[in-house]
Amino acid sequence: MSEAEGDRFFRRIPELVDADPFQPFDIRTSDGRGYFVDSPNYFARSREGDVITYYTPEDDRAVTIRVSQIVSLEVANRPAA
């Protein structure tokens, strides 16, 4: 990932999480995993914003993701739960 892409994701995450009204979005990581963020209540950012933690609503598992490992962020094409 280029530095410009990393900066773009770094800026885009707060925009998506803090949007009013909130719209669910997908995070895709460099290892091929995908995460559906359907509520800002299950999401946290580190102080520096370089690490995010997503709590899965199904089993309350915490997933920690470095922003540098994100390869795409897209507004989801499906409704929130």
PDB file of N, CA and C in Angstrom:
ATOM      1  N   MET A   1       0.850  -1.178   0.000  1.00  0.00           N
ATOM      2  CA  MET A   1       0.000   0.000   0.000  1.00  0.00           C
ATOM      3  C   MET A   1       0.887   1.229   0.000  1.00  0.00           C
ATOM      4  N   SER A   2       0.526   2.201  -0.783  1.00  0.00           N
ATOM      5  CA  SER A   2       1.306   3.424  -0.833  1.00  0.00           C
ATOM      6  C   SER A   2       0.999   4.287   0.383  1.00  0.00           C
ATOM      7  N   GLU A   3       1.899   5.208   0.667  1.00  0.00           N
ATOM      8  CA  GLU A   3       1.690   6.113   1.798  1.00  0.00           C
ATOM      9  C   GLU A   3       0.437   6.954   1.593  1.00  0.00           C
ATOM     10  N   ALA A   4       0.168   7.352   0.350  1.00  0.00           N
ATOM     11  CA  ALA A   4      -1.025   8.145   0.064  1.00  0.00           C
ATOM     12  C   ALA A   4      -2.297   7.366   0.393  1.00  0.00           C
ATOM     13  N   GLU A   5      -2.336   6.055   0.075  1.00  0.00           N
ATOM     14  CA  GLU A   5      -3.507   5.242   0.413  1.00  0.00           C
ATOM     15  C   GLU A   5      -3.664   5.141   1.924  1.00  0.00           C
ATOM     16  N   GLY A   6      -2.559   4.915   2.638  1.00  0.00           N
ATOM     17  CA  GLY A   6      -2.609   4.835   4.092  1.00  0.00           C
ATOM     18  C   GLY A   6      -3.159   6.111   4.699  1.00  0.00           C
ATOM     19  N   ASP A   7      -2.720   7.254   4.192  1.00  0.00           N
ATOM     20  CA  ASP A   7      -3.228   8.544   4.671  1.00  0.00           C
ATOM     21  C   ASP A   7      -4.712   8.687   4.377  1.00  0.00           C
ATOM     22  N   ARG A   8      -5.124   8.212   3.210  1.00  0.00           N
ATOM     23  CA  ARG A   8      -6.535   8.308   2.825  1.00  0.00           C
ATOM     24  C   ARG A   8      -7.402   7.491   3.778  1.00  0.00           C
ATOM     25  N   PHE A   9      -6.977   6.245   4.083  1.00  0.00           N
ATOM     26  CA  PHE A   9      -7.738   5.410   5.010  1.00  0.00           C
ATOM     27  C   PHE A   9      -7.727   6.012   6.410  1.00  0.00           C
ATOM     28  N   PHE A  10      -6.580   6.566   6.808  1.00  0.00           N
ATOM     29  CA  PHE A  10      -6.444   7.200   8.118  1.00  0.00           C
ATOM     30  C   PHE A  10      -7.476   8.323   8.273  1.00  0.00           C
ATOM     31  N   ARG A  11      -7.684   9.098   7.221  1.00  0.00           N
ATOM     32  CA  ARG A  11      -8.669  10.194   7.250  1.00  0.00           C
ATOM     33  C   ARG A  11     -10.093   9.694   7.074  1.00  0.00           C
ATOM     34  N   ARG A  12     -10.268   8.647   6.283  1.00  0.00           N
ATOM     35  CA  ARG A  12     -11.613   8.165   5.932  1.00  0.00           C
ATOM     36  C   ARG A  12     -12.309   7.453   7.094  1.00  0.00           C
ATOM     37  N   ILE A  13     -11.560   6.756   7.925  1.00  0.00           N
ATOM     38  CA  ILE A  13     -12.179   6.002   9.024  1.00  0.00           C
ATOM     39  C   ILE A  13     -13.012   6.903   9.935  1.00  0.00           C
ATOM     40  N   PRO A  14     -12.468   8.012  10.467  1.00  0.00           N
ATOM     41  CA  PRO A  14     -13.319   8.863  11.313  1.00  0.00           C
ATOM     42  C   PRO A  14     -14.534   9.415  10.580  1.00  0.00           C
ATOM     43  N   GLU A  15     -14.376   9.699   9.283  1.00  0.00           N
ATOM     44  CA  GLU A  15     -15.523  10.182   8.500  1.00  0.00           C
ATOM     45  C   GLU A  15     -16.641   9.153   8.489  1.00  0.00           C
ATOM     46  N   LEU A  16     -16.294   7.889   8.292  1.00  0.00           N
ATOM     47  CA  LEU A  16     -17.299   6.823   8.249  1.00  0.00           C
ATOM     48  C   LEU A  16     -17.912   6.571   9.622  1.00  0.00           C
ATOM     49  N   VAL A  17     -17.077   6.495  10.648  1.00  0.00           N
ATOM     50  CA  VAL A  17     -17.568   6.181  11.995  1.00  0.00           C
ATOM     51  C   VAL A  17     -18.426   7.316  12.558  1.00  0.00           C
ATOM     52  N   ASP A  18     -18.035   8.552  12.287  1.00  0.00           N
ATOM     53  CA  ASP A  18     -18.726   9.707  12.874  1.00  0.00           C
ATOM     54  C   ASP A  18     -19.836  10.271  11.995  1.00  0.00           C
ATOM     55  N   ALA A  19     -20.105   9.630  10.868  1.00  0.00           N
ATOM     56  CA  ALA A  19     -21.132  10.131   9.952  1.00  0.00           C
ATOM     57  C   ALA A  19     -22.494  10.196  10.639  1.00  0.00           C
ATOM     58  N   ASP A  20     -23.259  11.229  10.300  1.00  0.00           N
ATOM     59  CA  ASP A  20     -24.608  11.388  10.841  1.00  0.00           C
ATOM     60  C   ASP A  20     -25.542  11.698   9.673  1.00  0.00           C
ATOM     61  N   PRO A  21     -26.342  10.738   9.254  1.00  0.00           N
ATOM     62  CA  PRO A  21     -26.569   9.441   9.894  1.00  0.00           C
ATOM     63  C   PRO A  21     -25.447   8.448   9.559  1.00  0.00           C
ATOM     64  N   PHE A  22     -25.241   7.526  10.485  1.00  0.00           N
ATOM     65  CA  PHE A  22     -24.229   6.486  10.289  1.00  0.00           C
ATOM     66  C   PHE A  22     -24.667   5.553   9.168  1.00  0.00           C
ATOM     67  N   GLN A  23     -23.710   5.183   8.319  1.00  0.00           N
ATOM     68  CA  GLN A  23     -23.954   4.185   7.278  1.00  0.00           C
ATOM     69  C   GLN A  23     -22.987   3.031   7.499  1.00  0.00           C
ATOM     70  N   PRO A  24     -23.483   1.804   7.540  1.00  0.00           N
ATOM     71  CA  PRO A  24     -22.602   0.647   7.717  1.00  0.00           C
ATOM     72  C   PRO A  24     -21.529   0.629   6.631  1.00  0.00           C
ATOM     73  N   PHE A  25     -20.367   0.088   6.984  1.00  0.00           N
ATOM     74  CA  PHE A  25     -19.289   0.007   6.007  1.00  0.00           C
ATOM     75  C   PHE A  25     -18.483  -1.266   6.187  1.00  0.00           C
ATOM     76  N   ASP A  26     -17.751  -1.617   5.139  1.00  0.00           N
ATOM     77  CA  ASP A  26     -16.903  -2.800   5.126  1.00  0.00           C
ATOM     78  C   ASP A  26     -15.446  -2.393   5.203  1.00  0.00           C
ATOM     79  N   ILE A  27     -14.685  -3.137   5.997  1.00  0.00           N
ATOM     80  CA  ILE A  27     -13.231  -2.991   6.056  1.00  0.00           C
ATOM     81  C   ILE A  27     -12.647  -4.262   5.463  1.00  0.00           C
ATOM     82  N   ARG A  28     -11.724  -4.110   4.521  1.00  0.00           N
ATOM     83  CA  ARG A  28     -11.017  -5.252   3.941  1.00  0.00           C
ATOM     84  C   ARG A  28      -9.537  -5.088   4.273  1.00  0.00           C
ATOM     85  N   THR A  29      -8.912  -6.163   4.802  1.00  0.00           N
ATOM     86  CA  THR A  29      -7.514  -6.095   5.210  1.00  0.00           C
ATOM     87  C   THR A  29      -6.607  -6.836   4.224  1.00  0.00           C
ATOM     88  N   SER A  30      -5.314  -6.602   4.351  1.00  0.00           N
ATOM     89  CA  SER A  30      -4.337  -7.160   3.414  1.00  0.00           C
ATOM     90  C   SER A  30      -4.275  -8.681   3.461  1.00  0.00           C
ATOM     91  N   ASP A  31      -4.746  -9.297   4.546  1.00  0.00           N
ATOM     92  CA  ASP A  31      -4.751 -10.763   4.606  1.00  0.00           C
ATOM     93  C   ASP A  31      -6.034 -11.360   4.045  1.00  0.00           C
ATOM     94  N   GLY A  32      -6.886 -10.510   3.450  1.00  0.00           N
ATOM     95  CA  GLY A  32      -8.100 -10.980   2.790  1.00  0.00           C
ATOM     96  C   GLY A  32      -9.331 -11.010   3.670  1.00  0.00           C
ATOM     97  N   ARG A  33      -9.189 -10.669   4.918  1.00  0.00           N
ATOM     98  CA  ARG A  33     -10.359 -10.689   5.819  1.00  0.00           C
ATOM     99  C   ARG A  33     -11.216  -9.448   5.600  1.00  0.00           C
ATOM    100  N   GLY A  34     -12.495  -9.613   5.880  1.00  0.00           N
ATOM    101  CA  GLY A  34     -13.436  -8.512   5.767  1.00  0.00           C
ATOM    102  C   GLY A  34     -14.247  -8.379   7.038  1.00  0.00           C
ATOM    103  N   TYR A  35     -14.569  -7.151   7.385  1.00  0.00           N
ATOM    104  CA  TYR A  35     -15.343  -6.871   8.592  1.00  0.00           C
ATOM    105  C   TYR A  35     -16.457  -5.898   8.233  1.00  0.00           C
ATOM    106  N   PHE A  36     -17.674  -6.252   8.641  1.00  0.00           N
ATOM    107  CA  PHE A  36     -18.853  -5.428   8.395  1.00  0.00           C
ATOM    108  C   PHE A  36     -19.118  -4.616   9.660  1.00  0.00           C
ATOM    109  N   VAL A  37     -18.918  -3.317   9.581  1.00  0.00           N
ATOM    110  CA  VAL A  37     -19.152  -2.426  10.725  1.00  0.00           C
ATOM    111  C   VAL A  37     -20.563  -1.874  10.579  1.00  0.00           C
ATOM    112  N   ASP A  38     -21.466  -2.391  11.416  1.00  0.00           N
ATOM    113  CA  ASP A  38     -22.862  -1.972  11.282  1.00  0.00           C
ATOM    114  C   ASP A  38     -23.312  -1.000  12.366  1.00  0.00           C
ATOM    115  N   SER A  39     -22.381  -0.591  13.239  1.00  0.00           N
ATOM    116  CA  SER A  39     -22.709   0.388  14.270  1.00  0.00           C
ATOM    117  C   SER A  39     -21.424   1.054  14.752  1.00  0.00           C
ATOM    118  N   PRO A  40     -21.451   2.356  14.964  1.00  0.00           N
ATOM    119  CA  PRO A  40     -20.264   3.015  15.510  1.00  0.00           C
ATOM    120  C   PRO A  40     -20.018   2.632  16.971  1.00  0.00           C
ATOM    121  N   ASN A  41     -21.012   2.030  17.611  1.00  0.00           N
ATOM    122  CA  ASN A  41     -20.883   1.631  19.016  1.00  0.00           C
ATOM    123  C   ASN A  41     -19.946   0.448  19.216  1.00  0.00           C
ATOM    124  N   TYR A  42     -19.627  -0.274  18.155  1.00  0.00           N
ATOM    125  CA  TYR A  42     -18.753  -1.448  18.247  1.00  0.00           C
ATOM    126  C   TYR A  42     -17.351  -1.151  17.744  1.00  0.00           C
ATOM    127  N   PHE A  43     -16.981   0.103  17.716  1.00  0.00           N
ATOM    128  CA  PHE A  43     -15.764   0.533  17.038  1.00  0.00           C
ATOM    129  C   PHE A  43     -14.985   1.489  17.938  1.00  0.00           C
ATOM    130  N   ALA A  44     -13.657   1.328  17.993  1.00  0.00           N
ATOM    131  CA  ALA A  44     -12.808   2.238  18.769  1.00  0.00           C
ATOM    132  C   ALA A  44     -11.534   2.517  17.982  1.00  0.00           C
ATOM    133  N   ARG A  45     -10.980   3.714  18.200  1.00  0.00           N
ATOM    134  CA  ARG A  45      -9.724   4.113  17.568  1.00  0.00           C
ATOM    135  C   ARG A  45      -8.690   4.386  18.643  1.00  0.00           C
ATOM    136  N   SER A  46      -7.439   4.085  18.326  1.00  0.00           N
ATOM    137  CA  SER A  46      -6.362   4.437  19.246  1.00  0.00           C
ATOM    138  C   SER A  46      -6.206   5.959  19.263  1.00  0.00           C
ATOM    139  N   ARG A  47      -5.515   6.454  20.247  1.00  0.00           N
ATOM    140  CA  ARG A  47      -5.312   7.894  20.371  1.00  0.00           C
ATOM    141  C   ARG A  47      -4.689   8.495  19.111  1.00  0.00           C
ATOM    142  N   GLU A  48      -3.712   7.786  18.549  1.00  0.00           N
ATOM    143  CA  GLU A  48      -3.041   8.269  17.342  1.00  0.00           C
ATOM    144  C   GLU A  48      -3.858   7.980  16.084  1.00  0.00           C
ATOM    145  N   GLY A  49      -4.836   7.082  16.195  1.00  0.00           N
ATOM    146  CA  GLY A  49      -5.678   6.745  15.064  1.00  0.00           C
ATOM    147  C   GLY A  49      -5.081   5.718  14.121  1.00  0.00           C
ATOM    148  N   ASP A  50      -3.927   5.148  14.488  1.00  0.00           N
ATOM    149  CA  ASP A  50      -3.270   4.190  13.594  1.00  0.00           C
ATOM    150  C   ASP A  50      -3.701   2.756  13.833  1.00  0.00           C
ATOM    151  N   VAL A  51      -4.472   2.533  14.904  1.00  0.00           N
ATOM    152  CA  VAL A  51      -4.991   1.205  15.228  1.00  0.00           C
ATOM    153  C   VAL A  51      -6.473   1.354  15.536  1.00  0.00           C
ATOM    154  N   ILE A  52      -7.271   0.434  14.992  1.00  0.00           N
ATOM    155  CA  ILE A  52      -8.697   0.409  15.311  1.00  0.00           C
ATOM    156  C   ILE A  52      -9.036  -0.926  15.953  1.00  0.00           C
ATOM    157  N   THR A  53     -10.064  -0.920  16.756  1.00  0.00           N
ATOM    158  CA  THR A  53     -10.571  -2.152  17.348  1.00  0.00           C
ATOM    159  C   THR A  53     -12.049  -2.232  17.016  1.00  0.00           C
ATOM    160  N   TYR A  54     -12.435  -3.376  16.485  1.00  0.00           N
ATOM    161  CA  TYR A  54     -13.827  -3.622  16.125  1.00  0.00           C
ATOM    162  C   TYR A  54     -14.320  -4.779  16.975  1.00  0.00           C
ATOM    163  N   TYR A  55     -15.452  -4.590  17.637  1.00  0.00           N
ATOM    164  CA  TYR A  55     -16.057  -5.634  18.463  1.00  0.00           C
ATOM    165  C   TYR A  55     -17.186  -6.274  17.684  1.00  0.00           C
ATOM    166  N   THR A  56     -17.040  -7.567  17.403  1.00  0.00           N
ATOM    167  CA  THR A  56     -18.055  -8.256  16.609  1.00  0.00           C
ATOM    168  C   THR A  56     -19.328  -8.402  17.429  1.00  0.00           C
ATOM    169  N   PRO A  57     -20.467  -8.001  16.893  1.00  0.00           N
ATOM    170  CA  PRO A  57     -21.712  -8.059  17.657  1.00  0.00           C
ATOM    171  C   PRO A  57     -22.184  -9.478  17.943  1.00  0.00           C
ATOM    172  N   GLU A  58     -21.770 -10.446  17.112  1.00  0.00           N
ATOM    173  CA  GLU A  58     -22.234 -11.820  17.300  1.00  0.00           C
ATOM    174  C   GLU A  58     -21.673 -12.446  18.574  1.00  0.00           C
ATOM    175  N   ASP A  59     -20.371 -12.267  18.795  1.00  0.00           N
ATOM    176  CA  ASP A  59     -19.735 -12.944  19.931  1.00  0.00           C
ATOM    177  C   ASP A  59     -18.880 -12.002  20.777  1.00  0.00           C
ATOM    178  N   ASP A  60     -18.978 -10.689  20.536  1.00  0.00           N
ATOM    179  CA  ASP A  60     -18.265  -9.674  21.303  1.00  0.00           C
ATOM    180  C   ASP A  60     -16.748  -9.889  21.287  1.00  0.00           C
ATOM    181  N   ARG A  61     -16.253 -10.465  20.197  1.00  0.00           N
ATOM    182  CA  ARG A  61     -14.820 -10.675  20.029  1.00  0.00           C
ATOM    183  C   ARG A  61     -14.194  -9.362  19.579  1.00  0.00           C
ATOM    184  N   ALA A  62     -13.028  -9.036  20.116  1.00  0.00           N
ATOM    185  CA  ALA A  62     -12.318  -7.821  19.728  1.00  0.00           C
ATOM    186  C   ALA A  62     -11.330  -8.145  18.614  1.00  0.00           C
ATOM    187  N   VAL A  63     -11.405  -7.389  17.531  1.00  0.00           N
ATOM    188  CA  VAL A  63     -10.496  -7.539  16.401  1.00  0.00           C
ATOM    189  C   VAL A  63      -9.695  -6.244  16.312  1.00  0.00           C
ATOM    190  N   THR A  64      -8.379  -6.345  16.414  1.00  0.00           N
ATOM    191  CA  THR A  64      -7.507  -5.179  16.320  1.00  0.00           C
ATOM    192  C   THR A  64      -6.893  -5.134  14.934  1.00  0.00           C
ATOM    193  N   ILE A  65      -6.991  -3.976  14.302  1.00  0.00           N
ATOM    194  CA  ILE A  65      -6.522  -3.805  12.932  1.00  0.00           C
ATOM    195  C   ILE A  65      -5.644  -2.564  12.852  1.00  0.00           C
ATOM    196  N   ARG A  66      -4.459  -2.707  12.313  1.00  0.00           N
ATOM    197  CA  ARG A  66      -3.606  -1.544  12.030  1.00  0.00           C
ATOM    198  C   ARG A  66      -4.120  -0.901  10.740  1.00  0.00           C
ATOM    199  N   VAL A  67      -4.241   0.404  10.745  1.00  0.00           N
ATOM    200  CA  VAL A  67      -4.732   1.108   9.561  1.00  0.00           C
ATOM    201  C   VAL A  67      -3.844   0.801   8.361  1.00  0.00           C
ATOM    202  N   SER A  68      -2.564   0.580   8.578  1.00  0.00           N
ATOM    203  CA  SER A  68      -1.646   0.268   7.484  1.00  0.00           C
ATOM    204  C   SER A  68      -1.971  -1.068   6.819  1.00  0.00           C
ATOM    205  N   GLN A  69      -2.787  -1.912   7.461  1.00  0.00           N
ATOM    206  CA  GLN A  69      -3.168  -3.203   6.897  1.00  0.00           C
ATOM    207  C   GLN A  69      -4.504  -3.159   6.155  1.00  0.00           C
ATOM    208  N   ILE A  70      -5.151  -2.012   6.136  1.00  0.00           N
ATOM    209  CA  ILE A  70      -6.433  -1.870   5.440  1.00  0.00           C
ATOM    210  C   ILE A  70      -6.172  -1.626   3.958  1.00  0.00           C
ATOM    211  N   VAL A  71      -6.858  -2.412   3.124  1.00  0.00           N
ATOM    212  CA  VAL A  71      -6.718  -2.243   1.680  1.00  0.00           C
ATOM    213  C   VAL A  71      -7.952  -1.621   1.044  1.00  0.00           C
ATOM    214  N   SER A  72      -9.101  -1.664   1.758  1.00  0.00           N
ATOM    215  CA  SER A  72     -10.278  -0.955   1.235  1.00  0.00           C
ATOM    216  C   SER A  72     -11.266  -0.665   2.359  1.00  0.00           C
ATOM    217  N   LEU A  73     -11.963   0.439   2.173  1.00  0.00           N
ATOM    218  CA  LEU A  73     -13.075   0.858   3.033  1.00  0.00           C
ATOM    219  C   LEU A  73     -14.207   1.242   2.094  1.00  0.00           C
ATOM    220  N   GLU A  74     -15.357   0.603   2.265  1.00  0.00           N
ATOM    221  CA  GLU A  74     -16.484   0.905   1.376  1.00  0.00           C
ATOM    222  C   GLU A  74     -17.775   0.951   2.170  1.00  0.00           C
ATOM    223  N   VAL A  75     -18.606   1.927   1.845  1.00  0.00           N
ATOM    224  CA  VAL A  75     -19.943   1.965   2.424  1.00  0.00           C
ATOM    225  C   VAL A  75     -20.634   0.683   2.003  1.00  0.00           C
ATOM    226  N   ALA A  76     -21.224   0.006   2.982  1.00  0.00           N
ATOM    227  CA  ALA A  76     -21.827  -1.311   2.733  1.00  0.00           C
ATOM    228  C   ALA A  76     -23.051  -1.185   1.833  1.00  0.00           C
ATOM    229  N   ASN A  77     -23.252  -2.219   1.075  1.00  0.00           N
ATOM    230  CA  ASN A  77     -24.376  -2.281   0.156  1.00  0.00           C
ATOM    231  C   ASN A  77     -25.519  -3.094   0.765  1.00  0.00           C
ATOM    232  N   ARG A  78     -25.602  -3.065   2.084  1.00  0.00           N
ATOM    233  CA  ARG A  78     -26.652  -3.790   2.806  1.00  0.00           C
ATOM    234  C   ARG A  78     -26.974  -3.026   4.083  1.00  0.00           C
ATOM    235  N   PRO A  79     -28.164  -3.219   4.637  1.00  0.00           N
ATOM    236  CA  PRO A  79     -28.566  -2.455   5.828  1.00  0.00           C
ATOM    237  C   PRO A  79     -27.882  -2.975   7.092  1.00  0.00           C
ATOM    238  N   ALA A  80     -27.859  -2.110   8.088  1.00  0.00           N
ATOM    239  CA  ALA A  80     -27.355  -2.505   9.409  1.00  0.00           C
ATOM    240  C   ALA A  80     -28.329  -3.469  10.041  1.00  0.00           C
ATOM    241  N   ALA A  81     -27.830  -4.252  10.990  1.00  0.00           N
ATOM    242  CA  ALA A  81     -28.677  -5.234  11.675  1.00  0.00           C
ATOM    243  C   ALA A  81     -29.688  -4.547  12.564  1.00  0.00           C
TER     244      ALA A  81
END
